[in-house]
């Protein structure tokens, strides 16, 4: 979730750069940037479901592809894509460890009560 919330700020800053460089009409820059920020925020809320992870991965790809309009976003998008993959792997491991600990605590309380 923290990766997607951080990307809201990244998209805001990228939109400011695109606006300052006049890469497109201001309305287009802010519409696309605003939609991307809302998508990141909604996706962060959807991480309770598998759909959130799929959409989060799509957002990573789109952030990387935004480098076509703003070349520095290739670097930023790649960094966040790596962070996303690491977060998914480590988060999955943490979830498994939490389930194992919970099962061990239940067993302990069952045998010592």
Protein backbone atom coordinates (compact mmCIF):
# COMPACT_ATOMS: atom_id res chain seq x y z
CA UNK A 1 0.00 0.00 0.00
CA UNK A 2 2.83 2.38 0.83
CA UNK A 3 4.25 1.96 -2.68
CA UNK A 4 0.99 3.01 -4.30
CA UNK A 5 0.44 5.90 -1.92
CA UNK A 6 3.99 7.10 -2.63
CA UNK A 7 3.23 6.91 -6.32
CA UNK A 8 0.42 9.42 -5.84
CA UNK A 9 3.11 11.94 -4.90
CA UNK A 10 5.37 10.80 -7.76
CA UNK A 11 2.56 11.27 -10.28
CA UNK A 12 1.84 14.72 -8.83
CA UNK A 13 5.47 15.74 -9.25
CA UNK A 14 5.64 14.25 -12.75
CA UNK A 15 2.48 16.17 -13.65
CA UNK A 16 4.06 19.37 -12.38
CA UNK A 17 7.14 18.71 -14.54
CA UNK A 18 5.01 17.90 -17.59
CA UNK A 19 3.00 21.08 -16.97
CA UNK A 20 6.16 23.18 -16.56
CA UNK A 21 7.73 21.75 -19.70
CA UNK A 22 4.46 22.26 -21.58
CA UNK A 23 4.49 18.70 -22.90
CA UNK A 24 0.75 18.92 -23.58
CA UNK A 25 -2.18 21.22 -22.98
CA UNK A 26 -2.55 21.96 -19.24
CA UNK A 27 -6.00 20.35 -19.15
CA UNK A 28 -4.65 17.15 -20.64
CA UNK A 29 -1.66 17.05 -18.27
CA UNK A 30 -3.85 17.51 -15.19
CA UNK A 31 -6.59 15.17 -16.41
CA UNK A 32 -4.14 12.34 -17.06
CA UNK A 33 -2.14 13.09 -13.90
CA UNK A 34 -5.28 13.38 -11.78
CA UNK A 35 -6.69 10.15 -13.15
CA UNK A 36 -3.40 8.39 -12.44
CA UNK A 37 -3.31 9.73 -8.87
CA UNK A 38 -6.89 8.60 -8.25
CA UNK A 39 -6.11 5.19 -9.77
CA UNK A 40 -3.12 4.76 -7.42
CA UNK A 41 -5.22 5.75 -4.40
CA UNK A 42 -8.13 3.46 -5.33
CA UNK A 43 -5.77 0.58 -6.05
CA UNK A 44 -4.15 1.05 -2.64
CA UNK A 45 -7.59 0.59 -1.10
CA UNK A 46 -8.26 -2.51 -3.18
CA UNK A 47 -5.22 -4.40 -1.90
CA UNK A 48 -7.49 -6.42 0.35
CA UNK A 49 -8.47 -8.31 -2.81
CA UNK A 50 -6.44 -10.00 -5.54
CA UNK A 51 -7.77 -7.46 -8.03
CA UNK A 52 -5.82 -4.76 -6.19
CA UNK A 53 -2.55 -6.59 -6.79
CA UNK A 54 -3.31 -7.05 -10.47
CA UNK A 55 -4.28 -3.39 -10.87
CA UNK A 56 -1.20 -2.36 -8.89
CA UNK A 57 0.97 -4.25 -11.35
CA UNK A 58 -0.82 -2.57 -14.26
CA UNK A 59 -0.17 0.81 -12.63
CA UNK A 60 3.52 -0.06 -12.37
CA UNK A 61 3.61 -0.81 -16.10
CA UNK A 62 1.78 2.42 -16.91
CA UNK A 63 4.11 4.43 -14.71
CA UNK A 64 7.03 2.91 -16.57
CA UNK A 65 5.40 3.66 -19.92
CA UNK A 66 4.88 7.28 -18.91
CA UNK A 67 8.57 7.58 -19.73
CA UNK A 68 7.50 7.91 -23.35
CA UNK A 69 6.17 11.39 -22.52
CA UNK A 70 8.64 12.27 -19.77
CA UNK A 71 11.91 10.28 -20.19
CA UNK A 72 12.97 10.52 -16.53
CA UNK A 73 9.88 8.47 -15.67
CA UNK A 74 11.59 5.42 -17.18
CA UNK A 75 14.03 5.58 -14.27
CA UNK A 76 11.42 6.45 -11.65
CA UNK A 77 9.02 3.83 -13.02
CA UNK A 78 11.72 1.17 -12.98
CA UNK A 79 12.64 1.99 -9.39
CA UNK A 80 9.02 1.79 -8.26
CA UNK A 81 8.42 -1.41 -10.24
CA UNK A 82 11.35 -3.01 -8.41
CA UNK A 83 10.03 -1.76 -5.07
CA UNK A 84 6.58 -3.15 -5.97
CA UNK A 85 7.95 -6.61 -6.77
CA UNK A 86 10.04 -6.67 -3.58
CA UNK A 87 7.04 -5.53 -1.52
CA UNK A 88 4.89 -8.29 -2.99
CA UNK A 89 7.47 -10.96 -2.24
CA UNK A 90 8.31 -9.79 1.28
CA UNK A 91 4.66 -9.07 2.08
CA UNK A 92 3.70 -12.59 1.05
CA UNK A 93 6.40 -14.05 3.26
CA UNK A 94 5.22 -11.92 6.21
CA UNK A 95 1.63 -13.11 5.69
CA UNK A 96 2.74 -16.75 5.80
CA UNK A 97 4.79 -16.15 8.96
CA UNK A 98 1.84 -14.42 10.64
CA UNK A 99 -0.43 -17.38 9.87
CA UNK A 100 2.14 -19.81 11.25
CA UNK A 101 2.54 -17.77 14.43
CA UNK A 102 -1.23 -17.50 14.88
CA UNK A 103 -1.60 -21.27 14.49
CA UNK A 104 1.22 -21.83 17.01
CA UNK A 105 -0.40 -19.45 19.51
CA UNK A 106 -3.75 -21.22 19.15
CA UNK A 107 -2.05 -24.57 19.73
CA UNK A 108 -0.22 -23.21 22.78
CA UNK A 109 -3.41 -21.83 24.32
CA UNK A 110 -5.30 -25.04 23.54
CA UNK A 111 -2.71 -27.21 25.28
CA UNK A 112 -2.06 -24.90 28.24
CA UNK A 113 -5.62 -23.93 29.15
